[in-house]
PDB file of all heavy atoms in Angstrom:
ATOM      1  N   PHE A   1     106.046 138.568  60.326  1.00  0.00           N
ATOM      2  CA  PHE A   1     105.638 139.317  59.022  1.00  0.00           C
ATOM      3  C   PHE A   1     105.812 138.403  57.912  1.00  0.00           C
ATOM      4  O   PHE A   1     106.817 137.710  57.732  1.00  0.00           O
ATOM      5  CB  PHE A   1     106.597 140.574  58.901  1.00  0.00           C
ATOM      6  CG  PHE A   1     106.082 141.440  57.838  1.00  0.00           C
ATOM      7  CD1 PHE A   1     104.852 142.127  57.949  1.00  0.00           C
ATOM      8  CD2 PHE A   1     106.683 141.680  56.655  1.00  0.00           C
ATOM      9  CE1 PHE A   1     104.268 142.998  57.091  1.00  0.00           C
ATOM     10  CE2 PHE A   1     106.191 142.623  55.673  1.00  0.00           C
ATOM     11  CZ  PHE A   1     105.038 143.265  55.841  1.00  0.00           C
ATOM     12  N   ARG A   2     104.726 138.205  57.091  1.00  0.00           N
ATOM     13  CA  ARG A   2     104.729 137.151  56.178  1.00  0.00           C
ATOM     14  C   ARG A   2     105.495 137.341  54.818  1.00  0.00           C
ATOM     15  O   ARG A   2     105.599 136.464  54.034  1.00  0.00           O
ATOM     16  CB  ARG A   2     103.160 136.871  55.831  1.00  0.00           C
ATOM     17  CG  ARG A   2     102.330 136.519  57.074  1.00  0.00           C
ATOM     18  CD  ARG A   2     100.943 136.077  56.737  1.00  0.00           C
ATOM     19  NE  ARG A   2     100.853 134.862  56.012  1.00  0.00           N
ATOM     20  CZ  ARG A   2     100.300 134.785  54.805  1.00  0.00           C
ATOM     21  NH1 ARG A   2      99.755 135.872  54.167  1.00  0.00           N
ATOM     22  NH2 ARG A   2     100.322 133.624  54.217  1.00  0.00           N
ATOM     23  N   TYR A   3     105.885 138.629  54.681  1.00  0.00           N
ATOM     24  CA  TYR A   3     106.718 138.987  53.442  1.00  0.00           C
ATOM     25  C   TYR A   3     108.153 139.131  53.828  1.00  0.00           C
ATOM     26  O   TYR A   3     108.641 138.751  54.868  1.00  0.00           O
ATOM     27  CB  TYR A   3     106.010 140.220  52.807  1.00  0.00           C
ATOM     28  CG  TYR A   3     104.533 140.042  52.556  1.00  0.00           C
ATOM     29  CD1 TYR A   3     103.626 140.829  53.035  1.00  0.00           C
ATOM     30  CD2 TYR A   3     104.099 138.953  51.716  1.00  0.00           C
ATOM     31  CE1 TYR A   3     102.266 140.627  52.797  1.00  0.00           C
ATOM     32  CE2 TYR A   3     102.836 138.743  51.507  1.00  0.00           C
ATOM     33  CZ  TYR A   3     101.812 139.619  52.074  1.00  0.00           C
ATOM     34  OH  TYR A   3     100.482 139.433  51.795  1.00  0.00           O
ATOM     35  N   PHE A   4     108.899 139.581  52.876  1.00  0.00           N
ATOM     36  CA  PHE A   4     110.308 139.862  53.084  1.00  0.00           C
ATOM     37  C   PHE A   4     111.066 138.575  53.481  1.00  0.00           C
ATOM     38  O   PHE A   4     111.909 138.539  54.421  1.00  0.00           O
ATOM     39  CB  PHE A   4     110.675 141.020  54.173  1.00  0.00           C
ATOM     40  CG  PHE A   4     110.334 142.345  53.618  1.00  0.00           C
ATOM     41  CD1 PHE A   4     109.171 143.039  53.968  1.00  0.00           C
ATOM     42  CD2 PHE A   4     111.208 143.043  52.801  1.00  0.00           C
ATOM     43  CE1 PHE A   4     108.855 144.237  53.448  1.00  0.00           C
ATOM     44  CE2 PHE A   4     110.910 144.309  52.318  1.00  0.00           C
ATOM     45  CZ  PHE A   4     109.657 144.858  52.699  1.00  0.00           C
ATOM     46  N   LYS A   5     110.713 137.490  52.836  1.00  0.00           N
ATOM     47  CA  LYS A   5     111.375 136.192  52.972  1.00  0.00           C
ATOM     48  C   LYS A   5     111.242 135.602  54.427  1.00  0.00           C
ATOM     49  O   LYS A   5     112.180 134.852  54.796  1.00  0.00           O
ATOM     50  CB  LYS A   5     112.858 136.218  52.429  1.00  0.00           C
ATOM     51  CG  LYS A   5     113.031 136.844  51.153  1.00  0.00           C
ATOM     52  CD  LYS A   5     112.471 135.995  50.095  1.00  0.00           C
ATOM     53  CE  LYS A   5     112.715 136.607  48.675  1.00  0.00           C
ATOM     54  NZ  LYS A   5     111.993 135.860  47.606  1.00  0.00           N
ATOM     55  N   HIS A   6     110.168 135.987  55.136  1.00  0.00           N
ATOM     56  CA  HIS A   6     110.054 135.505  56.423  1.00  0.00           C
ATOM     57  C   HIS A   6     111.281 135.832  57.376  1.00  0.00           C
ATOM     58  O   HIS A   6     111.542 134.940  58.304  1.00  0.00           O
ATOM     59  CB  HIS A   6     109.806 133.975  56.537  1.00  0.00           C
ATOM     60  CG  HIS A   6     108.514 133.636  55.824  1.00  0.00           C
ATOM     61  ND1 HIS A   6     108.251 132.309  55.494  1.00  0.00           N
ATOM     62  CD2 HIS A   6     107.518 134.397  55.251  1.00  0.00           C
ATOM     63  CE1 HIS A   6     107.122 132.229  54.856  1.00  0.00           C
ATOM     64  NE2 HIS A   6     106.528 133.411  54.796  1.00  0.00           N
ATOM     65  N   LEU A   7     111.797 136.943  57.171  1.00  0.00           N
ATOM     66  CA  LEU A   7     113.077 137.365  58.024  1.00  0.00           C
ATOM     67  C   LEU A   7     112.701 138.250  59.241  1.00  0.00           C
ATOM     68  O   LEU A   7     113.545 138.472  60.030  1.00  0.00           O
ATOM     69  CB  LEU A   7     114.012 138.096  57.199  1.00  0.00           C
ATOM     70  CG  LEU A   7     114.818 137.273  56.106  1.00  0.00           C
ATOM     71  CD1 LEU A   7     115.655 138.092  55.197  1.00  0.00           C
ATOM     72  CD2 LEU A   7     115.611 136.124  56.665  1.00  0.00           C
ATOM     73  N   LEU A   8     111.442 138.696  59.310  1.00  0.00           N
ATOM     74  CA  LEU A   8     111.156 139.781  60.289  1.00  0.00           C
ATOM     75  C   LEU A   8     110.244 139.204  61.322  1.00  0.00           C
ATOM     76  O   LEU A   8     109.054 138.766  61.128  1.00  0.00           O
ATOM     77  CB  LEU A   8     110.394 140.938  59.534  1.00  0.00           C
ATOM     78  CG  LEU A   8     111.122 141.534  58.331  1.00  0.00           C
ATOM     79  CD1 LEU A   8     110.461 142.653  57.812  1.00  0.00           C
ATOM     80  CD2 LEU A   8     112.563 141.939  58.667  1.00  0.00           C
ATOM     81  N   ARG A   9     110.723 139.350  62.562  1.00  0.00           N
ATOM     82  CA  ARG A   9     109.893 139.171  63.781  1.00  0.00           C
ATOM     83  C   ARG A   9     109.613 140.479  64.349  1.00  0.00           C
ATOM     84  O   ARG A   9     110.524 141.110  64.882  1.00  0.00           O
ATOM     85  CB  ARG A   9     110.651 138.241  64.749  1.00  0.00           C
ATOM     86  CG  ARG A   9     109.896 138.011  66.067  1.00  0.00           C
ATOM     87  CD  ARG A   9     110.502 137.334  67.128  1.00  0.00           C
ATOM     88  NE  ARG A   9     109.700 137.162  68.193  1.00  0.00           N
ATOM     89  CZ  ARG A   9     110.186 137.167  69.566  1.00  0.00           C
ATOM     90  NH1 ARG A   9     111.358 137.252  69.829  1.00  0.00           N
ATOM     91  NH2 ARG A   9     109.185 137.192  70.582  1.00  0.00           N
ATOM     92  N   ILE A  10     108.458 141.034  64.212  1.00  0.00           N
ATOM     93  CA  ILE A  10     108.073 142.367  64.748  1.00  0.00           C
ATOM     94  C   ILE A  10     106.939 142.443  65.644  1.00  0.00           C
ATOM     95  O   ILE A  10     106.534 143.443  66.048  1.00  0.00           O
ATOM     96  CB  ILE A  10     107.817 143.337  63.494  1.00  0.00           C
ATOM     97  CG1 ILE A  10     106.791 142.833  62.594  1.00  0.00           C
ATOM     98  CG2 ILE A  10     109.165 143.497  62.693  1.00  0.00           C
ATOM     99  CD1 ILE A  10     106.429 143.874  61.407  1.00  0.00           C
ATOM    100  N   ASP A  11     106.280 141.227  65.876  1.00  0.00           N
ATOM    101  CA  ASP A  11     105.097 141.127  66.737  1.00  0.00           C
ATOM    102  C   ASP A  11     105.463 140.398  67.941  1.00  0.00           C
ATOM    103  O   ASP A  11     106.046 139.334  67.860  1.00  0.00           O
ATOM    104  CB  ASP A  11     103.832 140.562  66.078  1.00  0.00           C
ATOM    105  CG  ASP A  11     103.528 141.249  64.761  1.00  0.00           C
ATOM    106  OD1 ASP A  11     104.186 140.990  63.764  1.00  0.00           O
ATOM    107  OD2 ASP A  11     102.655 142.195  64.833  1.00  0.00           O
ATOM    108  N   TYR A  12     105.000 140.828  69.142  1.00  0.00           N
ATOM    109  CA  TYR A  12     105.575 140.156  70.404  1.00  0.00           C
ATOM    110  C   TYR A  12     104.465 140.026  71.453  1.00  0.00           C
ATOM    111  O   TYR A  12     103.459 140.724  71.453  1.00  0.00           O
ATOM    112  CB  TYR A  12     106.713 141.158  71.040  1.00  0.00           C
ATOM    113  CG  TYR A  12     107.777 141.349  70.014  1.00  0.00           C
ATOM    114  CD1 TYR A  12     107.794 142.421  69.219  1.00  0.00           C
ATOM    115  CD2 TYR A  12     108.890 140.527  69.903  1.00  0.00           C
ATOM    116  CE1 TYR A  12     108.745 142.722  68.302  1.00  0.00           C
ATOM    117  CE2 TYR A  12     109.948 140.817  69.063  1.00  0.00           C
ATOM    118  CZ  TYR A  12     109.867 141.869  68.252  1.00  0.00           C
ATOM    119  OH  TYR A  12     110.901 142.148  67.415  1.00  0.00           O
ATOM    120  N   ILE A  13     104.749 139.065  72.457  1.00  0.00           N
ATOM    121  CA  ILE A  13     104.057 139.078  73.626  1.00  0.00           C
ATOM    122  C   ILE A  13     105.124 139.009  74.776  1.00  0.00           C
ATOM    123  O   ILE A  13     106.005 138.084  74.688  1.00  0.00           O
ATOM    124  CB  ILE A  13     103.160 137.837  73.844  1.00  0.00           C
ATOM    125  CG1 ILE A  13     102.052 137.956  72.725  1.00  0.00           C
ATOM    126  CG2 ILE A  13     102.592 137.809  75.348  1.00  0.00           C
ATOM    127  CD1 ILE A  13     101.100 136.741  72.801  1.00  0.00           C
ATOM    128  N   LEU A  14     105.314 140.006  75.590  1.00  0.00           N
ATOM    129  CA  LEU A  14     106.198 140.155  76.719  1.00  0.00           C
ATOM    130  C   LEU A  14     105.402 139.955  78.013  1.00  0.00           C
ATOM    131  O   LEU A  14     104.229 140.343  78.064  1.00  0.00           O
ATOM    132  CB  LEU A  14     106.970 141.395  76.656  1.00  0.00           C
ATOM    133  CG  LEU A  14     107.580 141.885  75.347  1.00  0.00           C
ATOM    134  CD1 LEU A  14     108.203 143.225  75.509  1.00  0.00           C
ATOM    135  CD2 LEU A  14     108.595 140.855  74.804  1.00  0.00           C
ATOM    136  N   HIS A  15     106.123 139.441  79.030  1.00  0.00           N
ATOM    137  CA  HIS A  15     105.370 139.207  80.311  1.00  0.00           C
ATOM    138  C   HIS A  15     106.334 139.484  81.488  1.00  0.00           C
ATOM    139  O   HIS A  15     107.516 139.320  81.353  1.00  0.00           O
ATOM    140  CB  HIS A  15     104.875 137.775  80.419  1.00  0.00           C
ATOM    141  CG  HIS A  15     105.969 136.741  80.311  1.00  0.00           C
ATOM    142  ND1 HIS A  15     106.527 136.311  81.504  1.00  0.00           N
ATOM    143  CD2 HIS A  15     106.551 136.109  79.348  1.00  0.00           C
ATOM    144  CE1 HIS A  15     107.422 135.340  81.245  1.00  0.00           C
ATOM    145  NE2 HIS A  15     107.423 135.253  79.918  1.00  0.00           N
ATOM    146  N   SER A  16     105.727 139.932  82.580  1.00  0.00           N
ATOM    147  CA  SER A  16     106.492 140.147  83.816  1.00  0.00           C
ATOM    148  C   SER A  16     106.751 138.747  84.428  1.00  0.00           C
ATOM    149  O   SER A  16     106.199 137.716  84.079  1.00  0.00           O
ATOM    150  CB  SER A  16     105.861 141.139  84.745  1.00  0.00           C
ATOM    151  OG  SER A  16     104.473 140.622  85.114  1.00  0.00           O
ATOM    152  N   SER A  17     107.556 138.772  85.536  1.00  0.00           N
ATOM    153  CA  SER A  17     108.042 137.552  86.137  1.00  0.00           C
ATOM    154  C   SER A  17     107.031 136.762  86.884  1.00  0.00           C
ATOM    155  O   SER A  17     107.108 135.621  87.154  1.00  0.00           O
ATOM    156  CB  SER A  17     109.231 137.808  87.029  1.00  0.00           C
ATOM    157  OG  SER A  17     108.746 138.728  88.001  1.00  0.00           O
ATOM    158  N   GLU A  18     105.775 137.380  87.064  1.00  0.00           N
ATOM    159  CA  GLU A  18     104.654 136.761  87.752  1.00  0.00           C
ATOM    160  C   GLU A  18     104.043 135.653  86.870  1.00  0.00           C
ATOM    161  O   GLU A  18     103.463 134.772  87.444  1.00  0.00           O
ATOM    162  CB  GLU A  18     103.586 137.717  88.227  1.00  0.00           C
ATOM    163  CG  GLU A  18     104.034 138.663  89.316  1.00  0.00           C
ATOM    164  CD  GLU A  18     104.631 139.981  88.754  1.00  0.00           C
ATOM    165  OE1 GLU A  18     104.961 140.088  87.539  1.00  0.00           O
ATOM    166  OE2 GLU A  18     104.744 140.946  89.479  1.00  0.00           O
ATOM    167  N   PHE A  19     104.256 135.775  85.584  1.00  0.00           N
ATOM    168  CA  PHE A  19     103.667 134.791  84.678  1.00  0.00           C
ATOM    169  C   PHE A  19     104.708 133.691  84.396  1.00  0.00           C
ATOM    170  O   PHE A  19     105.875 133.884  84.191  1.00  0.00           O
ATOM    171  CB  PHE A  19     103.276 135.400  83.395  1.00  0.00           C
ATOM    172  CG  PHE A  19     102.198 136.380  83.465  1.00  0.00           C
ATOM    173  CD1 PHE A  19     102.488 137.784  83.751  1.00  0.00           C
ATOM    174  CD2 PHE A  19     100.859 136.041  83.409  1.00  0.00           C
ATOM    175  CE1 PHE A  19     101.521 138.744  83.860  1.00  0.00           C
ATOM    176  CE2 PHE A  19      99.887 137.039  83.611  1.00  0.00           C
ATOM    177  CZ  PHE A  19     100.089 138.366  83.713  1.00  0.00           C
ATOM    178  N   GLN A  20     104.187 132.389  84.297  1.00  0.00           N
ATOM    179  CA  GLN A  20     105.078 131.336  83.918  1.00  0.00           C
ATOM    180  C   GLN A  20     104.661 130.886  82.444  1.00  0.00           C
ATOM    181  O   GLN A  20     103.540 130.358  82.288  1.00  0.00           O
ATOM    182  CB  GLN A  20     104.878 130.085  84.875  1.00  0.00           C
ATOM    183  CG  GLN A  20     105.777 128.891  84.540  1.00  0.00           C
ATOM    184  CD  GLN A  20     105.355 127.716  85.510  1.00  0.00           C
ATOM    185  OE1 GLN A  20     104.589 127.806  86.256  1.00  0.00           O
ATOM    186  NE2 GLN A  20     105.878 126.534  84.938  1.00  0.00           N
ATOM    187  N   GLY A  21     105.574 130.925  81.438  1.00  0.00           N
ATOM    188  CA  GLY A  21     105.261 130.474  80.183  1.00  0.00           C
ATOM    189  C   GLY A  21     105.057 129.124  79.995  1.00  0.00           C
ATOM    190  O   GLY A  21     105.785 128.342  80.584  1.00  0.00           O
ATOM    191  N   VAL A  22     104.059 128.697  79.172  1.00  0.00           N
ATOM    192  CA  VAL A  22     103.757 127.277  78.903  1.00  0.00           C
ATOM    193  C   VAL A  22     104.064 126.998  77.350  1.00  0.00           C
ATOM    194  O   VAL A  22     104.742 126.029  77.066  1.00  0.00           O
ATOM    195  CB  VAL A  22     102.337 126.896  79.249  1.00  0.00           C
ATOM    196  CG1 VAL A  22     102.018 125.495  78.732  1.00  0.00           C
ATOM    197  CG2 VAL A  22     102.061 127.099  80.669  1.00  0.00           C
ATOM    198  N   ASP A  23     103.597 127.889  76.536  1.00  0.00           N
ATOM    199  CA  ASP A  23     103.840 127.713  75.016  1.00  0.00           C
ATOM    200  C   ASP A  23     103.604 129.027  74.349  1.00  0.00           C
ATOM    201  O   ASP A  23     102.956 129.904  74.791  1.00  0.00           O
ATOM    202  CB  ASP A  23     102.742 126.627  74.516  1.00  0.00           C
ATOM    203  CG  ASP A  23     103.239 126.072  73.133  1.00  0.00           C
ATOM    204  OD1 ASP A  23     104.342 126.366  72.739  1.00  0.00           O
ATOM    205  OD2 ASP A  23     102.516 125.233  72.645  1.00  0.00           O
ATOM    206  N   TYR A  24     104.300 129.162  73.175  1.00  0.00           N
ATOM    207  CA  TYR A  24     104.373 130.444  72.443  1.00  0.00           C
ATOM    208  C   TYR A  24     104.685 129.982  70.966  1.00  0.00           C
ATOM    209  O   TYR A  24     105.560 129.347  70.655  1.00  0.00           O
ATOM    210  CB  TYR A  24     105.497 131.206  73.027  1.00  0.00           C
ATOM    211  CG  TYR A  24     105.640 132.574  72.468  1.00  0.00           C
ATOM    212  CD1 TYR A  24     105.294 133.798  73.216  1.00  0.00           C
ATOM    213  CD2 TYR A  24     106.097 132.825  71.193  1.00  0.00           C
ATOM    214  CE1 TYR A  24     105.481 135.095  72.760  1.00  0.00           C
ATOM    215  CE2 TYR A  24     106.286 134.153  70.597  1.00  0.00           C
ATOM    216  CZ  TYR A  24     105.902 135.206  71.463  1.00  0.00           C
ATOM    217  OH  TYR A  24     106.061 136.548  70.954  1.00  0.00           O
ATOM    218  N   PHE A  25     103.725 130.516  70.122  1.00  0.00           N
ATOM    219  CA  PHE A  25     103.879 130.209  68.705  1.00  0.00           C
ATOM    220  C   PHE A  25     103.237 131.269  67.850  1.00  0.00           C
ATOM    221  O   PHE A  25     102.425 132.035  68.340  1.00  0.00           O
ATOM    222  CB  PHE A  25     103.343 128.797  68.372  1.00  0.00           C
ATOM    223  CG  PHE A  25     101.963 128.666  68.443  1.00  0.00           C
ATOM    224  CD1 PHE A  25     101.092 128.798  67.301  1.00  0.00           C
ATOM    225  CD2 PHE A  25     101.244 128.529  69.645  1.00  0.00           C
ATOM    226  CE1 PHE A  25      99.733 128.702  67.434  1.00  0.00           C
ATOM    227  CE2 PHE A  25      99.860 128.429  69.711  1.00  0.00           C
ATOM    228  CZ  PHE A  25      99.140 128.535  68.615  1.00  0.00           C
ATOM    229  N   SER A  26     103.598 131.181  66.577  1.00  0.00           N
ATOM    230  CA  SER A  26     103.036 132.156  65.616  1.00  0.00           C
ATOM    231  C   SER A  26     102.476 131.439  64.387  1.00  0.00           C
ATOM    232  O   SER A  26     103.296 131.117  63.521  1.00  0.00           O
ATOM    233  CB  SER A  26     103.928 133.301  65.190  1.00  0.00           C
ATOM    234  OG  SER A  26     103.453 134.150  64.208  1.00  0.00           O
ATOM    235  N   PRO A  27     101.153 131.023  64.369  1.00  0.00           N
ATOM    236  CA  PRO A  27     100.634 130.283  63.190  1.00  0.00           C
ATOM    237  C   PRO A  27     100.730 130.937  61.919  1.00  0.00           C
ATOM    238  O   PRO A  27     100.486 132.262  61.969  1.00  0.00           O
ATOM    239  CB  PRO A  27      99.305 129.852  63.649  1.00  0.00           C
ATOM    240  CG  PRO A  27      98.912 130.926  64.576  1.00  0.00           C
ATOM    241  CD  PRO A  27     100.186 131.307  65.316  1.00  0.00           C
ATOM    242  N   ASP A  28     100.943 130.313  60.823  1.00  0.00           N
ATOM    243  CA  ASP A  28     100.971 130.989  59.547  1.00  0.00           C
ATOM    244  C   ASP A  28      99.501 131.084  58.865  1.00  0.00           C
ATOM    245  O   ASP A  28      99.011 130.112  58.453  1.00  0.00           O
ATOM    246  CB  ASP A  28     101.822 130.191  58.670  1.00  0.00           C
ATOM    247  CG  ASP A  28     102.103 130.934  57.287  1.00  0.00           C
ATOM    248  OD1 ASP A  28     101.786 132.064  57.214  1.00  0.00           O
ATOM    249  OD2 ASP A  28     102.631 130.322  56.291  1.00  0.00           O
ATOM    250  N   LEU A  29      98.762 132.212  59.156  1.00  0.00           N
ATOM    251  CA  LEU A  29      97.459 132.387  58.652  1.00  0.00           C
ATOM    252  C   LEU A  29      97.492 133.366  57.543  1.00  0.00           C
ATOM    253  O   LEU A  29      98.346 134.278  57.564  1.00  0.00           O
ATOM    254  CB  LEU A  29      96.599 132.869  59.820  1.00  0.00           C
ATOM    255  CG  LEU A  29      96.477 131.994  61.025  1.00  0.00           C
ATOM    256  CD1 LEU A  29      95.477 132.581  62.076  1.00  0.00           C
ATOM    257  CD2 LEU A  29      96.092 130.554  60.758  1.00  0.00           C
ATOM    258  N   GLU A  30      96.499 133.364  56.582  1.00  0.00           N
ATOM    259  CA  GLU A  30      96.548 134.166  55.388  1.00  0.00           C
ATOM    260  C   GLU A  30      95.685 135.280  55.394  1.00  0.00           C
ATOM    261  O   GLU A  30      95.487 135.924  54.401  1.00  0.00           O
ATOM    262  CB  GLU A  30      96.182 133.222  54.259  1.00  0.00           C
ATOM    263  CG  GLU A  30      94.866 132.661  54.320  1.00  0.00           C
ATOM    264  CD  GLU A  30      94.332 131.661  53.259  1.00  0.00           C
ATOM    265  OE1 GLU A  30      95.278 131.270  52.553  1.00  0.00           O
ATOM    266  OE2 GLU A  30      93.235 131.336  53.193  1.00  0.00           O
ATOM    267  N   TYR A  31      95.171 135.735  56.595  1.00  0.00           N
ATOM    268  CA  TYR A  31      94.182 136.779  56.651  1.00  0.00           C
ATOM    269  C   TYR A  31      94.771 138.161  56.708  1.00  0.00           C
ATOM    270  O   TYR A  31      94.099 139.142  56.806  1.00  0.00           O
ATOM    271  CB  TYR A  31      93.249 136.538  57.821  1.00  0.00           C
ATOM    272  CG  TYR A  31      92.702 135.045  57.810  1.00  0.00           C
ATOM    273  CD1 TYR A  31      92.882 134.250  58.885  1.00  0.00           C
ATOM    274  CD2 TYR A  31      91.937 134.669  56.768  1.00  0.00           C
ATOM    275  CE1 TYR A  31      92.403 132.954  58.835  1.00  0.00           C
ATOM    276  CE2 TYR A  31      91.341 133.350  56.773  1.00  0.00           C
ATOM    277  CZ  TYR A  31      91.763 132.527  57.732  1.00  0.00           C
ATOM    278  OH  TYR A  31      91.144 131.256  57.775  1.00  0.00           O
ATOM    279  N   SER A  32      96.041 138.279  56.815  1.00  0.00           N
ATOM    280  CA  SER A  32      96.737 139.574  57.003  1.00  0.00           C
ATOM    281  C   SER A  32      98.227 139.456  56.478  1.00  0.00           C
ATOM    282  O   SER A  32      98.601 138.365  56.133  1.00  0.00           O
ATOM    283  CB  SER A  32      96.703 140.075  58.517  1.00  0.00           C
ATOM    284  OG  SER A  32      97.543 141.151  58.741  1.00  0.00           O
ATOM    285  N   ASP A  33      98.780 140.660  56.442  1.00  0.00           N
ATOM    286  CA  ASP A  33     100.335 140.498  56.125  1.00  0.00           C
ATOM    287  C   ASP A  33     101.133 140.176  57.336  1.00  0.00           C
ATOM    288  O   ASP A  33     102.332 139.979  57.318  1.00  0.00           O
ATOM    289  CB  ASP A  33     100.783 141.913  55.542  1.00  0.00           C
ATOM    290  CG  ASP A  33     100.396 143.137  56.403  1.00  0.00           C
ATOM    291  OD1 ASP A  33      99.639 142.947  57.389  1.00  0.00           O
ATOM    292  OD2 ASP A  33     100.862 144.232  56.169  1.00  0.00           O
ATOM    293  N   HIS A  34     100.533 140.102  58.547  1.00  0.00           N
ATOM    294  CA  HIS A  34     101.160 139.614  59.700  1.00  0.00           C
ATOM    295  C   HIS A  34     100.624 138.222  60.057  1.00  0.00           C
ATOM    296  O   HIS A  34      99.505 137.830  59.696  1.00  0.00           O
ATOM    297  CB  HIS A  34     100.953 140.497  60.889  1.00  0.00           C
ATOM    298  CG  HIS A  34     101.559 141.793  60.801  1.00  0.00           C
ATOM    299  ND1 HIS A  34     102.588 142.268  61.628  1.00  0.00           N
ATOM    300  CD2 HIS A  34     101.432 142.901  59.985  1.00  0.00           C
ATOM    301  CE1 HIS A  34     102.944 143.548  61.286  1.00  0.00           C
ATOM    302  NE2 HIS A  34     102.218 143.942  60.339  1.00  0.00           N
ATOM    303  N   ASN A  35     101.402 137.475  60.888  1.00  0.00           N
ATOM    304  CA  ASN A  35     100.833 136.351  61.550  1.00  0.00           C
ATOM    305  C   ASN A  35     100.501 136.720  62.978  1.00  0.00           C
ATOM    306  O   ASN A  35     101.061 137.597  63.556  1.00  0.00           O
ATOM    307  CB  ASN A  35     101.867 135.204  61.526  1.00  0.00           C
ATOM    308  CG  ASN A  35     101.996 134.532  60.256  1.00  0.00           C
ATOM    309  OD1 ASN A  35     101.045 134.510  59.391  1.00  0.00           O
ATOM    310  ND2 ASN A  35     103.182 133.932  59.933  1.00  0.00           N
ATOM    311  N   PRO A  36      99.531 135.967  63.494  1.00  0.00           N
ATOM    312  CA  PRO A  36      99.233 136.288  64.911  1.00  0.00           C
ATOM    313  C   PRO A  36     100.283 135.634  65.797  1.00  0.00           C
ATOM    314  O   PRO A  36     101.106 134.838  65.339  1.00  0.00           O
ATOM    315  CB  PRO A  36      97.918 135.546  65.130  1.00  0.00           C
ATOM    316  CG  PRO A  36      97.770 134.433  64.120  1.00  0.00           C
ATOM    317  CD  PRO A  36      98.645 135.029  63.054  1.00  0.00           C
ATOM    318  N   VAL A  37     100.317 136.102  67.075  1.00  0.00           N
ATOM    319  CA  VAL A  37     101.246 135.440  68.084  1.00  0.00           C
ATOM    320  C   VAL A  37     100.372 135.004  69.211  1.00  0.00           C
ATOM    321  O   VAL A  37      99.480 135.799  69.616  1.00  0.00           O
ATOM    322  CB  VAL A  37     102.220 136.506  68.597  1.00  0.00           C
ATOM    323  CG1 VAL A  37     103.120 135.835  69.659  1.00  0.00           C
ATOM    324  CG2 VAL A  37     103.228 136.874  67.497  1.00  0.00           C
TER     325      VAL A  37
END
């Protein structure tokens, strides 16, 4: 969440054990009050 001093992580991607994670990030884009994940 881009406001409240960047203290809030409220958007997520969760996965079951069949998936193997490679990379995960949240770029700072200005098109919304949230950042994408």
